[in-house]
C-alpha atoms as a PDB file:
ATOM      1  CA  UNK A   1      31.428 -24.413  22.945  1.00  0.00           C
ATOM      2  CA  UNK A   2      34.202 -23.332  20.463  1.00  0.00           C
ATOM      3  CA  UNK A   3      32.519 -24.700  17.536  1.00  0.00           C
ATOM      4  CA  UNK A   4      29.062 -23.344  18.368  1.00  0.00           C
ATOM      5  CA  UNK A   5      30.983 -19.742  18.767  1.00  0.00           C
ATOM      6  CA  UNK A   6      32.544 -20.553  15.371  1.00  0.00           C
ATOM      7  CA  UNK A   7      29.333 -21.341  13.440  1.00  0.00           C
ATOM      8  CA  UNK A   8      27.615 -17.957  14.745  1.00  0.00           C
ATOM      9  CA  UNK A   9      30.548 -15.501  14.148  1.00  0.00           C
ATOM     10  CA  UNK A  10      28.730 -13.978  11.230  1.00  0.00           C
ATOM     11  CA  UNK A  11      25.257 -13.879  12.753  1.00  0.00           C
ATOM     12  CA  UNK A  12      23.834 -10.689  14.242  1.00  0.00           C
ATOM     13  CA  UNK A  13      21.517 -11.402  17.101  1.00  0.00           C
ATOM     14  CA  UNK A  14      17.758 -10.301  16.136  1.00  0.00           C
ATOM     15  CA  UNK A  15      16.246  -7.576  18.034  1.00  0.00           C
ATOM     16  CA  UNK A  16      12.923  -8.253  20.030  1.00  0.00           C
ATOM     17  CA  UNK A  17      10.436  -8.878  17.248  1.00  0.00           C
ATOM     18  CA  UNK A  18       6.735  -9.628  16.963  1.00  0.00           C
ATOM     19  CA  UNK A  19       5.957 -11.785  13.790  1.00  0.00           C
ATOM     20  CA  UNK A  20       2.722 -11.715  12.214  1.00  0.00           C
ATOM     21  CA  UNK A  21       1.249 -13.427   9.311  1.00  0.00           C
ATOM     22  CA  UNK A  22      -1.989 -11.094   8.540  1.00  0.00           C
ATOM     23  CA  UNK A  23      -2.143  -9.461   5.123  1.00  0.00           C
ATOM     24  CA  UNK A  24      -3.498  -6.532   6.627  1.00  0.00           C
ATOM     25  CA  UNK A  25      -1.807  -4.937   9.929  1.00  0.00           C
ATOM     26  CA  UNK A  26      -4.440  -2.657  11.661  1.00  0.00           C
ATOM     27  CA  UNK A  27      -4.081  -0.905  14.864  1.00  0.00           C
ATOM     28  CA  UNK A  28      -6.831  -3.434  16.160  1.00  0.00           C
ATOM     29  CA  UNK A  29      -4.264  -6.159  15.363  1.00  0.00           C
ATOM     30  CA  UNK A  30      -0.916  -4.747  17.182  1.00  0.00           C
ATOM     31  CA  UNK A  31      -2.705  -2.848  19.821  1.00  0.00           C
ATOM     32  CA  UNK A  32      -1.348  -3.898  23.313  1.00  0.00           C
ATOM     33  CA  UNK A  33       1.145  -6.116  21.762  1.00  0.00           C
ATOM     34  CA  UNK A  34       4.305  -3.899  21.144  1.00  0.00           C
ATOM     35  CA  UNK A  35       5.656  -3.607  24.557  1.00  0.00           C
ATOM     36  CA  UNK A  36       9.434  -4.454  24.418  1.00  0.00           C
ATOM     37  CA  UNK A  37       9.052  -5.157  20.646  1.00  0.00           C
ATOM     38  CA  UNK A  38      11.626  -3.692  18.369  1.00  0.00           C
ATOM     39  CA  UNK A  39      10.754  -4.956  15.290  1.00  0.00           C
ATOM     40  CA  UNK A  40       7.755  -6.015  13.578  1.00  0.00           C
ATOM     41  CA  UNK A  41       8.045  -8.754  11.255  1.00  0.00           C
ATOM     42  CA  UNK A  42       4.942  -9.274   8.547  1.00  0.00           C
ATOM     43  CA  UNK A  43       4.564 -10.647   5.184  1.00  0.00           C
ATOM     44  CA  UNK A  44       6.360  -9.074   1.949  1.00  0.00           C
ATOM     45  CA  UNK A  45       2.767  -8.153   0.628  1.00  0.00           C
ATOM     46  CA  UNK A  46       0.827  -7.344   3.695  1.00  0.00           C
ATOM     47  CA  UNK A  47      -0.691  -3.869   3.790  1.00  0.00           C
ATOM     48  CA  UNK A  48      -0.085  -1.807   7.219  1.00  0.00           C
ATOM     49  CA  UNK A  49      -2.719   0.717   7.452  1.00  0.00           C
ATOM     50  CA  UNK A  50      -2.244   4.575   8.263  1.00  0.00           C
ATOM     51  CA  UNK A  51      -3.274   4.083  12.068  1.00  0.00           C
ATOM     52  CA  UNK A  52      -1.083   1.240  12.552  1.00  0.00           C
ATOM     53  CA  UNK A  53       1.918   3.024  11.256  1.00  0.00           C
ATOM     54  CA  UNK A  54       1.135   5.896  13.524  1.00  0.00           C
ATOM     55  CA  UNK A  55       1.046   3.438  16.290  1.00  0.00           C
ATOM     56  CA  UNK A  56       4.527   1.826  15.633  1.00  0.00           C
ATOM     57  CA  UNK A  57       5.607   5.064  15.190  1.00  0.00           C
ATOM     58  CA  UNK A  58       4.629   6.097  18.761  1.00  0.00           C
ATOM     59  CA  UNK A  59       6.292   2.721  20.082  1.00  0.00           C
ATOM     60  CA  UNK A  60       9.470   3.286  17.850  1.00  0.00           C
ATOM     61  CA  UNK A  61       8.897  -0.103  16.248  1.00  0.00           C
ATOM     62  CA  UNK A  62      10.673  -0.677  12.897  1.00  0.00           C
ATOM     63  CA  UNK A  63       8.839  -2.972  10.093  1.00  0.00           C
ATOM     64  CA  UNK A  64      10.702  -5.870   8.624  1.00  0.00           C
ATOM     65  CA  UNK A  65       9.044  -7.489   5.533  1.00  0.00           C
ATOM     66  CA  UNK A  66       9.679 -11.026   5.101  1.00  0.00           C
ATOM     67  CA  UNK A  67      10.722 -12.865   1.969  1.00  0.00           C
ATOM     68  CA  UNK A  68       7.855 -15.194   0.974  1.00  0.00           C
ATOM     69  CA  UNK A  69      10.336 -17.503  -0.597  1.00  0.00           C
ATOM     70  CA  UNK A  70      12.180 -19.700   1.684  1.00  0.00           C
ATOM     71  CA  UNK A  71      15.453 -19.546   0.150  1.00  0.00           C
ATOM     72  CA  UNK A  72      15.452 -16.143   0.008  1.00  0.00           C
ATOM     73  CA  UNK A  73      14.655 -16.224   3.821  1.00  0.00           C
ATOM     74  CA  UNK A  74      17.806 -18.338   4.606  1.00  0.00           C
ATOM     75  CA  UNK A  75      19.955 -16.051   2.128  1.00  0.00           C
ATOM     76  CA  UNK A  76      19.035 -12.526   2.156  1.00  0.00           C
ATOM     77  CA  UNK A  77      18.721  -9.849   4.874  1.00  0.00           C
ATOM     78  CA  UNK A  78      14.879  -8.648   5.335  1.00  0.00           C
ATOM     79  CA  UNK A  79      14.332  -5.182   4.190  1.00  0.00           C
ATOM     80  CA  UNK A  80      13.688  -2.649   6.918  1.00  0.00           C
ATOM     81  CA  UNK A  81      11.328   0.214   6.516  1.00  0.00           C
ATOM     82  CA  UNK A  82      11.786   3.157   8.519  1.00  0.00           C
ATOM     83  CA  UNK A  83       8.278   3.864   8.811  1.00  0.00           C
ATOM     84  CA  UNK A  84       8.071   2.927  12.159  1.00  0.00           C
ATOM     85  CA  UNK A  85       9.488   6.015  13.634  1.00  0.00           C
ATOM     86  CA  UNK A  86      11.560   8.553  11.191  1.00  0.00           C
ATOM     87  CA  UNK A  87      10.562   7.602   7.252  1.00  0.00           C
ATOM     88  CA  UNK A  88       8.214   9.317   4.971  1.00  0.00           C
ATOM     89  CA  UNK A  89       4.539   9.151   5.918  1.00  0.00           C
ATOM     90  CA  UNK A  90       2.760   6.488   3.282  1.00  0.00           C
ATOM     91  CA  UNK A  91      -0.465   8.446   2.224  1.00  0.00           C
ATOM     92  CA  UNK A  92      -3.586   6.357   2.119  1.00  0.00           C
ATOM     93  CA  UNK A  93      -4.276   6.612  -1.356  1.00  0.00           C
ATOM     94  CA  UNK A  94      -2.105   6.543  -4.445  1.00  0.00           C
ATOM     95  CA  UNK A  95      -3.028   7.876  -8.076  1.00  0.00           C
ATOM     96  CA  UNK A  96      -1.387   6.720 -11.017  1.00  0.00           C
ATOM     97  CA  UNK A  97      -2.354   6.421 -15.019  1.00  0.00           C
ATOM     98  CA  UNK A  98      -1.798   7.139 -18.408  1.00  0.00           C
ATOM     99  CA  UNK A  99      -3.855  10.345 -18.617  1.00  0.00           C
ATOM    100  CA  UNK A 100      -2.107  13.068 -20.340  1.00  0.00           C
ATOM    101  CA  UNK A 101      -3.827  15.375 -17.319  1.00  0.00           C
ATOM    102  CA  UNK A 102      -2.562  13.480 -14.708  1.00  0.00           C
ATOM    103  CA  UNK A 103       0.309  16.363 -13.810  1.00  0.00           C
ATOM    104  CA  UNK A 104      -3.328  18.597 -13.472  1.00  0.00           C
ATOM    105  CA  UNK A 105      -4.521  16.100 -10.849  1.00  0.00           C
ATOM    106  CA  UNK A 106      -1.271  16.264  -9.013  1.00  0.00           C
ATOM    107  CA  UNK A 107      -1.344  19.978  -8.588  1.00  0.00           C
ATOM    108  CA  UNK A 108      -5.093  19.898  -7.342  1.00  0.00           C
ATOM    109  CA  UNK A 109      -5.002  17.209  -4.981  1.00  0.00           C
ATOM    110  CA  UNK A 110      -3.285  17.750  -1.304  1.00  0.00           C
ATOM    111  CA  UNK A 111      -0.340  15.685  -0.888  1.00  0.00           C
ATOM    112  CA  UNK A 112      -1.622  14.568   2.372  1.00  0.00           C
ATOM    113  CA  UNK A 113      -4.540  12.629   0.767  1.00  0.00           C
ATOM    114  CA  UNK A 114      -2.752  10.935  -2.064  1.00  0.00           C
ATOM    115  CA  UNK A 115       0.361  10.510  -3.665  1.00  0.00           C
ATOM    116  CA  UNK A 116       0.165  11.208  -7.205  1.00  0.00           C
ATOM    117  CA  UNK A 117       2.576   9.197  -9.379  1.00  0.00           C
ATOM    118  CA  UNK A 118       3.937  10.335 -12.825  1.00  0.00           C
ATOM    119  CA  UNK A 119       2.440   9.449 -16.090  1.00  0.00           C
ATOM    120  CA  UNK A 120       3.155   5.667 -17.007  1.00  0.00           C
ATOM    121  CA  UNK A 121       3.851   4.374 -20.305  1.00  0.00           C
ATOM    122  CA  UNK A 122       0.965   2.126 -20.566  1.00  0.00           C
ATOM    123  CA  UNK A 123      -1.773   0.999 -18.830  1.00  0.00           C
ATOM    124  CA  UNK A 124       0.060  -2.092 -17.277  1.00  0.00           C
ATOM    125  CA  UNK A 125       2.665  -0.054 -15.897  1.00  0.00           C
ATOM    126  CA  UNK A 126       0.270   2.295 -14.213  1.00  0.00           C
ATOM    127  CA  UNK A 127      -1.456  -0.753 -12.532  1.00  0.00           C
ATOM    128  CA  UNK A 128       2.023  -1.981 -11.472  1.00  0.00           C
ATOM    129  CA  UNK A 129       2.798   1.185  -9.750  1.00  0.00           C
ATOM    130  CA  UNK A 130      -0.523   0.961  -7.746  1.00  0.00           C
ATOM    131  CA  UNK A 131       0.179  -2.692  -6.795  1.00  0.00           C
ATOM    132  CA  UNK A 132       3.900  -1.990  -5.840  1.00  0.00           C
ATOM    133  CA  UNK A 133       2.540   1.029  -3.715  1.00  0.00           C
ATOM    134  CA  UNK A 134       0.230  -1.118  -1.910  1.00  0.00           C
ATOM    135  CA  UNK A 135       2.687  -3.726  -1.131  1.00  0.00           C
ATOM    136  CA  UNK A 136       4.722  -1.086   0.344  1.00  0.00           C
ATOM    137  CA  UNK A 137       2.168   0.110   2.643  1.00  0.00           C
ATOM    138  CA  UNK A 138      -0.035   2.427   0.930  1.00  0.00           C
ATOM    139  CA  UNK A 139      -3.821   1.554   1.686  1.00  0.00           C
ATOM    140  CA  UNK A 140      -5.628   1.853  -1.800  1.00  0.00           C
ATOM    141  CA  UNK A 141      -5.082   3.363  -5.131  1.00  0.00           C
ATOM    142  CA  UNK A 142      -6.948   4.995  -7.965  1.00  0.00           C
ATOM    143  CA  UNK A 143      -5.606   4.422 -11.584  1.00  0.00           C
ATOM    144  CA  UNK A 144      -6.660   6.451 -14.647  1.00  0.00           C
ATOM    145  CA  UNK A 145      -6.105   4.480 -17.876  1.00  0.00           C
ATOM    146  CA  UNK A 146      -7.239   4.319 -21.537  1.00  0.00           C
ATOM    147  CA  UNK A 147      -8.585   0.545 -21.214  1.00  0.00           C
ATOM    148  CA  UNK A 148     -10.279   0.408 -17.818  1.00  0.00           C
ATOM    149  CA  UNK A 149     -12.076  -3.277 -18.159  1.00  0.00           C
ATOM    150  CA  UNK A 150      -8.695  -4.470 -19.869  1.00  0.00           C
ATOM    151  CA  UNK A 151      -6.917  -3.079 -16.741  1.00  0.00           C
ATOM    152  CA  UNK A 152      -9.597  -4.641 -14.148  1.00  0.00           C
ATOM    153  CA  UNK A 153      -9.263  -8.014 -15.544  1.00  0.00           C
ATOM    154  CA  UNK A 154      -5.309  -7.956 -15.320  1.00  0.00           C
ATOM    155  CA  UNK A 155      -5.855  -6.531 -11.711  1.00  0.00           C
ATOM    156  CA  UNK A 156      -8.092  -9.234 -10.627  1.00  0.00           C
ATOM    157  CA  UNK A 157      -5.457 -11.829 -11.373  1.00  0.00           C
ATOM    158  CA  UNK A 158      -3.086 -10.143  -8.514  1.00  0.00           C
ATOM    159  CA  UNK A 159      -4.630 -11.487  -5.024  1.00  0.00           C
ATOM    160  CA  UNK A 160      -3.501  -8.310  -3.372  1.00  0.00           C
ATOM    161  CA  UNK A 161      -5.726  -5.928  -5.387  1.00  0.00           C
ATOM    162  CA  UNK A 162      -9.727  -5.801  -5.199  1.00  0.00           C
ATOM    163  CA  UNK A 163     -10.373  -3.655  -8.226  1.00  0.00           C
ATOM    164  CA  UNK A 164     -13.672  -1.961  -9.290  1.00  0.00           C
ATOM    165  CA  UNK A 165     -14.296  -0.006 -12.593  1.00  0.00           C
ATOM    166  CA  UNK A 166     -16.050   3.300 -11.863  1.00  0.00           C
ATOM    167  CA  UNK A 167     -17.659   4.731 -14.999  1.00  0.00           C
ATOM    168  CA  UNK A 168     -19.191   7.919 -13.628  1.00  0.00           C
ATOM    169  CA  UNK A 169     -19.028  10.154 -10.605  1.00  0.00           C
ATOM    170  CA  UNK A 170     -22.883   9.074  -9.706  1.00  0.00           C
ATOM    171  CA  UNK A 171     -21.695   5.539  -9.569  1.00  0.00           C
ATOM    172  CA  UNK A 172     -18.966   5.867  -7.139  1.00  0.00           C
ATOM    173  CA  UNK A 173     -21.247   5.828  -3.997  1.00  0.00           C
ATOM    174  CA  UNK A 174     -22.669   2.689  -5.029  1.00  0.00           C
ATOM    175  CA  UNK A 175     -19.192   1.181  -5.612  1.00  0.00           C
ATOM    176  CA  UNK A 176     -17.772   2.147  -2.296  1.00  0.00           C
ATOM    177  CA  UNK A 177     -21.041   1.075  -0.713  1.00  0.00           C
ATOM    178  CA  UNK A 178     -21.054  -2.301  -2.165  1.00  0.00           C
ATOM    179  CA  UNK A 179     -17.546  -3.564  -3.139  1.00  0.00           C
ATOM    180  CA  UNK A 180     -14.794  -3.728  -0.515  1.00  0.00           C
ATOM    181  CA  UNK A 181     -12.194  -2.370  -3.423  1.00  0.00           C
ATOM    182  CA  UNK A 182      -8.842  -1.256  -2.811  1.00  0.00           C
ATOM    183  CA  UNK A 183      -8.360  -0.123  -6.525  1.00  0.00           C
ATOM    184  CA  UNK A 184     -10.570   2.173  -8.459  1.00  0.00           C
ATOM    185  CA  UNK A 185     -10.278   2.056 -12.128  1.00  0.00           C
ATOM    186  CA  UNK A 186     -11.370   5.397 -13.997  1.00  0.00           C
ATOM    187  CA  UNK A 187     -11.351   5.600 -17.395  1.00  0.00           C
ATOM    188  CA  UNK A 188      -8.899   8.569 -19.181  1.00  0.00           C
ATOM    189  CA  UNK A 189     -11.467   9.072 -22.141  1.00  0.00           C
ATOM    190  CA  UNK A 190     -14.432   9.627 -20.005  1.00  0.00           C
ATOM    191  CA  UNK A 191     -12.956  11.286 -16.854  1.00  0.00           C
ATOM    192  CA  UNK A 192     -11.395  14.755 -16.389  1.00  0.00           C
ATOM    193  CA  UNK A 193      -9.440  16.338 -14.059  1.00  0.00           C
ATOM    194  CA  UNK A 194     -12.050  17.882 -11.741  1.00  0.00           C
ATOM    195  CA  UNK A 195     -14.137  14.685 -11.454  1.00  0.00           C
ATOM    196  CA  UNK A 196     -11.064  12.506 -10.723  1.00  0.00           C
ATOM    197  CA  UNK A 197      -9.954  14.661  -8.096  1.00  0.00           C
ATOM    198  CA  UNK A 198     -13.385  14.557  -6.615  1.00  0.00           C
ATOM    199  CA  UNK A 199     -13.327  10.827  -6.677  1.00  0.00           C
ATOM    200  CA  UNK A 200     -10.034  10.717  -5.234  1.00  0.00           C
ATOM    201  CA  UNK A 201     -11.155  12.824  -2.393  1.00  0.00           C
ATOM    202  CA  UNK A 202     -14.310  10.859  -1.943  1.00  0.00           C
ATOM    203  CA  UNK A 203     -12.292   7.789  -1.849  1.00  0.00           C
ATOM    204  CA  UNK A 204      -9.925   9.102   0.689  1.00  0.00           C
ATOM    205  CA  UNK A 205     -12.843  10.083   2.843  1.00  0.00           C
ATOM    206  CA  UNK A 206     -14.235   6.315   2.645  1.00  0.00           C
ATOM    207  CA  UNK A 207     -10.835   5.066   3.485  1.00  0.00           C
ATOM    208  CA  UNK A 208     -10.752   7.530   6.435  1.00  0.00           C
ATOM    209  CA  UNK A 209     -14.349   6.316   7.778  1.00  0.00           C
ATOM    210  CA  UNK A 210     -13.251   2.691   7.557  1.00  0.00           C
ATOM    211  CA  UNK A 211     -10.123   2.939   9.660  1.00  0.00           C
END
């Protein structure tokens, strides 16, 4: 009908899509479900694991993050990530913080293991950097701050974060074994460059083993 054609003049047909409501998109969740799929629609705050991103890349599937607000869904286009096949690889781990020696951590950590962000102005900003990174698809984060317990309290108010304060290197393995944390919080006052780098490497290995 003419009326129907007129009402859809500005609507671009959506490609073949798979929509998921899961908070974590793993390779187990999408395996054998991408045949003929061009776009994977997920929640704005969903985390896509690195192995799942590799699988999406193999099938050349783009990722669309759906606005959680219904009004936004009706009026805004969904942001499309190019991580499916031609975008930058998201590392499993992010490191952020307010420690003055954070640039030295960046020099010592392998870029394939972690993305080390520039020093933040305050602890809240550092935590926000980690939270935004996890929502964008990074798997976990290490935040090095001057007030670790206050930062942990703040992180606990965010449903997407599972924070744990790690007081020392000897405590790290206990934390990783006992708590399904996705954010480790280290004190800039008691940790130093070598120990912080070693904790990030250990966390990276832990994440690899869980994938």
